[in-house]
Each structure stands twice: as C-alpha cells, then as structure tokens.
PDB file of all heavy atoms in Angstrom:
ATOM      1  N   GLU A   1     112.483 109.796 197.587  1.00  0.00           N
ATOM      2  CA  GLU A   1     111.072 109.440 197.556  1.00  0.00           C
ATOM      3  C   GLU A   1     110.605 109.393 196.107  1.00  0.00           C
ATOM      4  O   GLU A   1     111.113 110.122 195.254  1.00  0.00           O
ATOM      5  CB  GLU A   1     110.227 110.456 198.334  1.00  0.00           C
ATOM      6  CG  GLU A   1     110.498 110.472 199.821  1.00  0.00           C
ATOM      7  CD  GLU A   1     109.594 111.465 200.540  1.00  0.00           C
ATOM      8  OE1 GLU A   1     108.807 112.139 199.843  1.00  0.00           O
ATOM      9  OE2 GLU A   1     109.688 111.551 201.767  1.00  0.00           O
ATOM     10  N   LEU A   2     109.636 108.546 195.812  1.00  0.00           N
ATOM     11  CA  LEU A   2     109.086 108.436 194.466  1.00  0.00           C
ATOM     12  C   LEU A   2     108.435 109.752 194.075  1.00  0.00           C
ATOM     13  O   LEU A   2     107.588 110.264 194.806  1.00  0.00           O
ATOM     14  CB  LEU A   2     108.048 107.317 194.403  1.00  0.00           C
ATOM     15  CG  LEU A   2     107.417 107.055 193.033  1.00  0.00           C
ATOM     16  CD1 LEU A   2     108.454 106.481 192.077  1.00  0.00           C
ATOM     17  CD2 LEU A   2     106.226 106.108 193.162  1.00  0.00           C
ATOM     18  N   PRO A   3     108.839 110.345 192.921  1.00  0.00           N
ATOM     19  CA  PRO A   3     108.209 111.617 192.506  1.00  0.00           C
ATOM     20  C   PRO A   3     106.724 111.439 192.280  1.00  0.00           C
ATOM     21  O   PRO A   3     106.271 110.391 191.819  1.00  0.00           O
ATOM     22  CB  PRO A   3     108.937 111.964 191.198  1.00  0.00           C
ATOM     23  CG  PRO A   3     110.199 111.166 191.228  1.00  0.00           C
ATOM     24  CD  PRO A   3     109.892 109.920 192.001  1.00  0.00           C
ATOM     25  N   SER A   4     105.988 112.467 192.599  1.00  0.00           N
ATOM     26  CA  SER A   4     104.549 112.417 192.385  1.00  0.00           C
ATOM     27  C   SER A   4     104.250 112.498 190.895  1.00  0.00           C
ATOM     28  O   SER A   4     105.029 113.070 190.127  1.00  0.00           O
ATOM     29  CB  SER A   4     103.863 113.582 193.109  1.00  0.00           C
ATOM     30  OG  SER A   4     104.297 114.819 192.561  1.00  0.00           O
ATOM     31  N   PRO A   5     103.145 111.910 190.412  1.00  0.00           N
ATOM     32  CA  PRO A   5     102.802 111.964 188.974  1.00  0.00           C
ATOM     33  C   PRO A   5     102.708 113.377 188.451  1.00  0.00           C
ATOM     34  O   PRO A   5     103.025 113.641 187.303  1.00  0.00           O
ATOM     35  CB  PRO A   5     101.445 111.254 188.915  1.00  0.00           C
ATOM     36  CG  PRO A   5     101.422 110.373 190.122  1.00  0.00           C
ATOM     37  CD  PRO A   5     102.199 111.102 191.177  1.00  0.00           C
ATOM     38  N   GLU A   6     102.288 114.337 189.277  1.00  0.00           N
ATOM     39  CA  GLU A   6     102.148 115.714 188.822  1.00  0.00           C
ATOM     40  C   GLU A   6     103.492 116.304 188.400  1.00  0.00           C
ATOM     41  O   GLU A   6     103.585 117.071 187.458  1.00  0.00           O
ATOM     42  CB  GLU A   6     101.529 116.581 189.906  1.00  0.00           C
ATOM     43  CG  GLU A   6     100.072 116.298 190.191  1.00  0.00           C
ATOM     44  CD  GLU A   6      99.877 115.040 191.005  1.00  0.00           C
ATOM     45  OE1 GLU A   6     100.878 114.574 191.591  1.00  0.00           O
ATOM     46  OE2 GLU A   6      98.747 114.515 191.055  1.00  0.00           O
ATOM     47  N   SER A   7     104.576 115.917 189.074  1.00  0.00           N
ATOM     48  CA  SER A   7     105.880 116.491 188.755  1.00  0.00           C
ATOM     49  C   SER A   7     106.471 115.886 187.487  1.00  0.00           C
ATOM     50  O   SER A   7     107.384 116.444 186.902  1.00  0.00           O
ATOM     51  CB  SER A   7     106.847 116.273 189.923  1.00  0.00           C
ATOM     52  OG  SER A   7     107.084 114.889 190.118  1.00  0.00           O
ATOM     53  N   GLN A   8     105.960 114.707 187.046  1.00  0.00           N
ATOM     54  CA  GLN A   8     106.477 114.064 185.846  1.00  0.00           C
ATOM     55  C   GLN A   8     105.677 114.409 184.597  1.00  0.00           C
ATOM     56  O   GLN A   8     106.184 114.351 183.496  1.00  0.00           O
ATOM     57  CB  GLN A   8     106.454 112.541 186.024  1.00  0.00           C
ATOM     58  CG  GLN A   8     107.458 112.029 187.047  1.00  0.00           C
ATOM     59  CD  GLN A   8     107.370 110.526 187.169  1.00  0.00           C
ATOM     60  OE1 GLN A   8     106.286 109.966 187.117  1.00  0.00           O
ATOM     61  NE2 GLN A   8     108.502 109.873 187.329  1.00  0.00           N
ATOM     62  N   ALA A   9     104.416 114.738 184.775  1.00  0.00           N
ATOM     63  CA  ALA A   9     103.534 114.931 183.633  1.00  0.00           C
ATOM     64  C   ALA A   9     103.894 116.183 182.845  1.00  0.00           C
ATOM     65  O   ALA A   9     104.225 117.220 183.417  1.00  0.00           O
ATOM     66  CB  ALA A   9     102.082 115.018 184.103  1.00  0.00           C
ATOM     67  N   VAL A  10     103.857 116.049 181.505  1.00  0.00           N
ATOM     68  CA  VAL A  10     104.057 117.185 180.609  1.00  0.00           C
ATOM     69  C   VAL A  10     102.778 117.340 179.791  1.00  0.00           C
ATOM     70  O   VAL A  10     102.361 116.420 179.086  1.00  0.00           O
ATOM     71  CB  VAL A  10     105.258 116.964 179.675  1.00  0.00           C
ATOM     72  CG1 VAL A  10     105.380 118.131 178.704  1.00  0.00           C
ATOM     73  CG2 VAL A  10     106.532 116.804 180.485  1.00  0.00           C
ATOM     74  N   GLU A  11     102.148 118.467 179.888  1.00  0.00           N
ATOM     75  CA  GLU A  11     100.881 118.678 179.211  1.00  0.00           C
ATOM     76  C   GLU A  11     101.093 118.805 177.704  1.00  0.00           C
ATOM     77  O   GLU A  11     101.869 119.642 177.248  1.00  0.00           O
ATOM     78  CB  GLU A  11     100.199 119.929 179.745  1.00  0.00           C
ATOM     79  CG  GLU A  11      98.811 120.139 179.164  1.00  0.00           C
ATOM     80  CD  GLU A  11      98.115 121.344 179.767  1.00  0.00           C
ATOM     81  OE1 GLU A  11      98.683 121.948 180.693  1.00  0.00           O
ATOM     82  OE2 GLU A  11      97.011 121.674 179.305  1.00  0.00           O
ATOM     83  N   LEU A  12     100.432 117.947 176.932  1.00  0.00           N
ATOM     84  CA  LEU A  12     100.517 117.989 175.476  1.00  0.00           C
ATOM     85  C   LEU A  12      99.545 119.030 174.929  1.00  0.00           C
ATOM     86  O   LEU A  12      98.505 119.295 175.530  1.00  0.00           O
ATOM     87  CB  LEU A  12     100.188 116.619 174.889  1.00  0.00           C
ATOM     88  CG  LEU A  12     101.160 115.488 175.218  1.00  0.00           C
ATOM     89  CD1 LEU A  12     100.650 114.172 174.647  1.00  0.00           C
ATOM     90  CD2 LEU A  12     102.548 115.780 174.669  1.00  0.00           C
ATOM     91  N   PRO A  13      99.880 119.620 173.779  1.00  0.00           N
ATOM     92  CA  PRO A  13      98.963 120.602 173.191  1.00  0.00           C
ATOM     93  C   PRO A  13      97.666 119.928 172.784  1.00  0.00           C
ATOM     94  O   PRO A  13      97.635 118.741 172.447  1.00  0.00           O
ATOM     95  CB  PRO A  13      99.737 121.128 171.980  1.00  0.00           C
ATOM     96  CG  PRO A  13     100.717 120.046 171.661  1.00  0.00           C
ATOM     97  CD  PRO A  13     101.094 119.425 172.971  1.00  0.00           C
ATOM     98  N   SER A  14      96.605 120.678 172.797  1.00  0.00           N
ATOM     99  CA  SER A  14      95.294 120.142 172.450  1.00  0.00           C
ATOM    100  C   SER A  14      95.102 120.144 170.942  1.00  0.00           C
ATOM    101  O   SER A  14      95.156 121.192 170.297  1.00  0.00           O
ATOM    102  CB  SER A  14      94.194 120.970 173.122  1.00  0.00           C
ATOM    103  OG  SER A  14      92.926 120.600 172.616  1.00  0.00           O
ATOM    104  N   ILE A  15      94.896 118.964 170.373  1.00  0.00           N
ATOM    105  CA  ILE A  15      94.607 118.855 168.948  1.00  0.00           C
ATOM    106  C   ILE A  15      93.304 119.585 168.628  1.00  0.00           C
ATOM    107  O   ILE A  15      93.164 120.242 167.597  1.00  0.00           O
ATOM    108  CB  ILE A  15      94.513 117.380 168.519  1.00  0.00           C
ATOM    109  CG1 ILE A  15      95.831 116.640 168.810  1.00  0.00           C
ATOM    110  CG2 ILE A  15      94.149 117.268 167.050  1.00  0.00           C
ATOM    111  CD1 ILE A  15      97.004 117.118 168.022  1.00  0.00           C
ATOM    112  N   ALA A  16      92.341 119.480 169.542  1.00  0.00           N
ATOM    113  CA  ALA A  16      91.045 120.126 169.323  1.00  0.00           C
ATOM    114  C   ALA A  16      91.191 121.640 169.204  1.00  0.00           C
ATOM    115  O   ALA A  16      90.506 122.273 168.376  1.00  0.00           O
ATOM    116  CB  ALA A  16      90.086 119.777 170.462  1.00  0.00           C
ATOM    117  N   ASP A  17      92.071 122.231 169.998  1.00  0.00           N
ATOM    118  CA  ASP A  17      92.287 123.682 169.918  1.00  0.00           C
ATOM    119  C   ASP A  17      92.892 124.069 168.571  1.00  0.00           C
ATOM    120  O   ASP A  17      92.531 125.100 167.985  1.00  0.00           O
ATOM    121  CB  ASP A  17      93.197 124.149 171.055  1.00  0.00           C
ATOM    122  CG  ASP A  17      92.513 124.081 172.413  1.00  0.00           C
ATOM    123  OD1 ASP A  17      91.274 123.983 172.451  1.00  0.00           O
ATOM    124  OD2 ASP A  17      93.228 124.123 173.440  1.00  0.00           O
ATOM    125  N   VAL A  18      93.826 123.235 168.087  1.00  0.00           N
ATOM    126  CA  VAL A  18      94.454 123.508 166.791  1.00  0.00           C
ATOM    127  C   VAL A  18      93.418 123.428 165.671  1.00  0.00           C
ATOM    128  O   VAL A  18      93.349 124.297 164.802  1.00  0.00           O
ATOM    129  CB  VAL A  18      95.610 122.516 166.531  1.00  0.00           C
ATOM    130  CG1 VAL A  18      96.165 122.702 165.114  1.00  0.00           C
ATOM    131  CG2 VAL A  18      96.710 122.693 167.555  1.00  0.00           C
ATOM    132  N   VAL A  19      92.590 122.387 165.696  1.00  0.00           N
ATOM    133  CA  VAL A  19      91.570 122.220 164.667  1.00  0.00           C
ATOM    134  C   VAL A  19      90.574 123.377 164.702  1.00  0.00           C
ATOM    135  O   VAL A  19      90.184 123.918 163.658  1.00  0.00           O
ATOM    136  CB  VAL A  19      90.837 120.874 164.843  1.00  0.00           C
ATOM    137  CG1 VAL A  19      89.668 120.760 163.865  1.00  0.00           C
ATOM    138  CG2 VAL A  19      91.812 119.711 164.642  1.00  0.00           C
ATOM    139  N   ALA A  20      90.171 123.780 165.922  1.00  0.00           N
ATOM    140  CA  ALA A  20      89.204 124.884 166.046  1.00  0.00           C
ATOM    141  C   ALA A  20      89.780 126.177 165.479  1.00  0.00           C
ATOM    142  O   ALA A  20      89.046 127.002 164.919  1.00  0.00           O
ATOM    143  CB  ALA A  20      88.827 125.070 167.511  1.00  0.00           C
ATOM    144  N   LEU A  21      91.107 126.354 165.603  1.00  0.00           N
ATOM    145  CA  LEU A  21      91.754 127.568 165.103  1.00  0.00           C
ATOM    146  C   LEU A  21      91.834 127.572 163.579  1.00  0.00           C
ATOM    147  O   LEU A  21      91.623 128.612 162.934  1.00  0.00           O
ATOM    148  CB  LEU A  21      93.158 127.680 165.704  1.00  0.00           C
ATOM    149  CG  LEU A  21      94.015 128.868 165.259  1.00  0.00           C
ATOM    150  CD1 LEU A  21      93.377 130.184 165.688  1.00  0.00           C
ATOM    151  CD2 LEU A  21      95.431 128.742 165.821  1.00  0.00           C
ATOM    152  N   VAL A  22      92.130 126.411 162.975  1.00  0.00           N
ATOM    153  CA  VAL A  22      92.410 126.354 161.535  1.00  0.00           C
ATOM    154  C   VAL A  22      91.179 126.029 160.701  1.00  0.00           C
ATOM    155  O   VAL A  22      91.054 126.496 159.567  1.00  0.00           O
ATOM    156  CB  VAL A  22      93.526 125.311 161.261  1.00  0.00           C
ATOM    157  CG1 VAL A  22      93.838 125.234 159.765  1.00  0.00           C
ATOM    158  CG2 VAL A  22      94.775 125.644 162.048  1.00  0.00           C
ATOM    159  N   LYS A  23      90.265 125.264 161.232  1.00  0.00           N
ATOM    160  CA  LYS A  23      89.130 124.758 160.462  1.00  0.00           C
ATOM    161  C   LYS A  23      88.344 125.847 159.726  1.00  0.00           C
ATOM    162  O   LYS A  23      87.921 125.633 158.579  1.00  0.00           O
ATOM    163  CB  LYS A  23      88.206 123.956 161.374  1.00  0.00           C
ATOM    164  CG  LYS A  23      87.124 123.167 160.646  1.00  0.00           C
ATOM    165  CD  LYS A  23      86.452 122.198 161.622  1.00  0.00           C
ATOM    166  CE  LYS A  23      85.303 121.447 160.946  1.00  0.00           C
ATOM    167  NZ  LYS A  23      84.107 122.290 160.819  1.00  0.00           N
ATOM    168  N   PRO A  24      88.123 127.039 160.297  1.00  0.00           N
ATOM    169  CA  PRO A  24      87.390 128.073 159.541  1.00  0.00           C
ATOM    170  C   PRO A  24      88.081 128.516 158.255  1.00  0.00           C
ATOM    171  O   PRO A  24      87.443 129.120 157.392  1.00  0.00           O
ATOM    172  CB  PRO A  24      87.290 129.230 160.542  1.00  0.00           C
ATOM    173  CG  PRO A  24      87.397 128.588 161.880  1.00  0.00           C
ATOM    174  CD  PRO A  24      88.359 127.454 161.692  1.00  0.00           C
ATOM    175  N   SER A  25      89.390 128.209 158.125  1.00  0.00           N
ATOM    176  CA  SER A  25      90.135 128.608 156.929  1.00  0.00           C
ATOM    177  C   SER A  25      90.172 127.513 155.871  1.00  0.00           C
ATOM    178  O   SER A  25      90.646 127.750 154.753  1.00  0.00           O
ATOM    179  CB  SER A  25      91.582 128.979 157.306  1.00  0.00           C
ATOM    180  OG  SER A  25      91.607 129.971 158.292  1.00  0.00           O
ATOM    181  N   VAL A  26      89.696 126.321 156.201  1.00  0.00           N
ATOM    182  CA  VAL A  26      89.773 125.175 155.290  1.00  0.00           C
ATOM    183  C   VAL A  26      88.487 125.078 154.483  1.00  0.00           C
ATOM    184  O   VAL A  26      87.391 125.250 155.022  1.00  0.00           O
ATOM    185  CB  VAL A  26      90.032 123.878 156.067  1.00  0.00           C
ATOM    186  CG1 VAL A  26      90.195 122.699 155.100  1.00  0.00           C
ATOM    187  CG2 VAL A  26      91.274 124.010 156.941  1.00  0.00           C
ATOM    188  N   VAL A  27      88.625 124.791 153.188  1.00  0.00           N
ATOM    189  CA  VAL A  27      87.457 124.718 152.303  1.00  0.00           C
ATOM    190  C   VAL A  27      87.404 123.375 151.598  1.00  0.00           C
ATOM    191  O   VAL A  27      88.423 122.689 151.448  1.00  0.00           O
ATOM    192  CB  VAL A  27      87.481 125.846 151.249  1.00  0.00           C
ATOM    193  CG1 VAL A  27      87.575 127.211 151.913  1.00  0.00           C
ATOM    194  CG2 VAL A  27      88.641 125.649 150.263  1.00  0.00           C
ATOM    195  N   SER A  28      86.191 123.010 151.193  1.00  0.00           N
ATOM    196  CA  SER A  28      85.985 121.845 150.331  1.00  0.00           C
ATOM    197  C   SER A  28      85.875 122.312 148.887  1.00  0.00           C
ATOM    198  O   SER A  28      85.225 123.322 148.608  1.00  0.00           O
ATOM    199  CB  SER A  28      84.705 121.100 150.731  1.00  0.00           C
ATOM    200  OG  SER A  28      84.774 120.650 152.060  1.00  0.00           O
ATOM    201  N   ILE A  29      86.519 121.592 147.990  1.00  0.00           N
ATOM    202  CA  ILE A  29      86.503 121.945 146.571  1.00  0.00           C
ATOM    203  C   ILE A  29      85.884 120.794 145.792  1.00  0.00           C
ATOM    204  O   ILE A  29      86.305 119.640 145.923  1.00  0.00           O
ATOM    205  CB  ILE A  29      87.919 122.244 146.051  1.00  0.00           C
ATOM    206  CG1 ILE A  29      88.496 123.457 146.781  1.00  0.00           C
ATOM    207  CG2 ILE A  29      87.911 122.472 144.543  1.00  0.00           C
ATOM    208  CD1 ILE A  29      89.926 123.777 146.407  1.00  0.00           C
ATOM    209  N   ASN A  30      84.881 121.103 144.983  1.00  0.00           N
ATOM    210  CA  ASN A  30      84.227 120.103 144.139  1.00  0.00           C
ATOM    211  C   ASN A  30      84.349 120.527 142.681  1.00  0.00           C
ATOM    212  O   ASN A  30      84.193 121.719 142.353  1.00  0.00           O
ATOM    213  CB  ASN A  30      82.761 119.941 144.526  1.00  0.00           C
ATOM    214  CG  ASN A  30      82.602 119.332 145.908  1.00  0.00           C
ATOM    215  OD1 ASN A  30      82.757 118.137 146.090  1.00  0.00           O
ATOM    216  ND2 ASN A  30      82.299 120.167 146.894  1.00  0.00           N
ATOM    217  N   THR A  31      84.646 119.569 141.836  1.00  0.00           N
ATOM    218  CA  THR A  31      84.885 119.876 140.422  1.00  0.00           C
ATOM    219  C   THR A  31      84.038 118.975 139.530  1.00  0.00           C
ATOM    220  O   THR A  31      83.593 117.900 139.934  1.00  0.00           O
ATOM    221  CB  THR A  31      86.368 119.667 140.057  1.00  0.00           C
ATOM    222  OG1 THR A  31      86.716 118.287 140.265  1.00  0.00           O
ATOM    223  CG2 THR A  31      87.258 120.545 140.911  1.00  0.00           C
TER     224      THR A  31
END
C-alpha cells in the first residue's frame, strides 16, 4: 500500500528557534 505522508515526512529544525536562541548574543558595531 502507498505509505501515508506522515510516515515519510521528516521534521526540519526551526530556523526561527535558532535565531531566537542566538540573536540576544549578536551585536551591531558602528565605527
């Protein structure tokens, strides 16, 4: 039988979660 889409799908990591984790550590530098 044709596999259901749920059994084939692989959840990718959330870019938004990564940005939310790192963004407080990133700074802007002006010279």
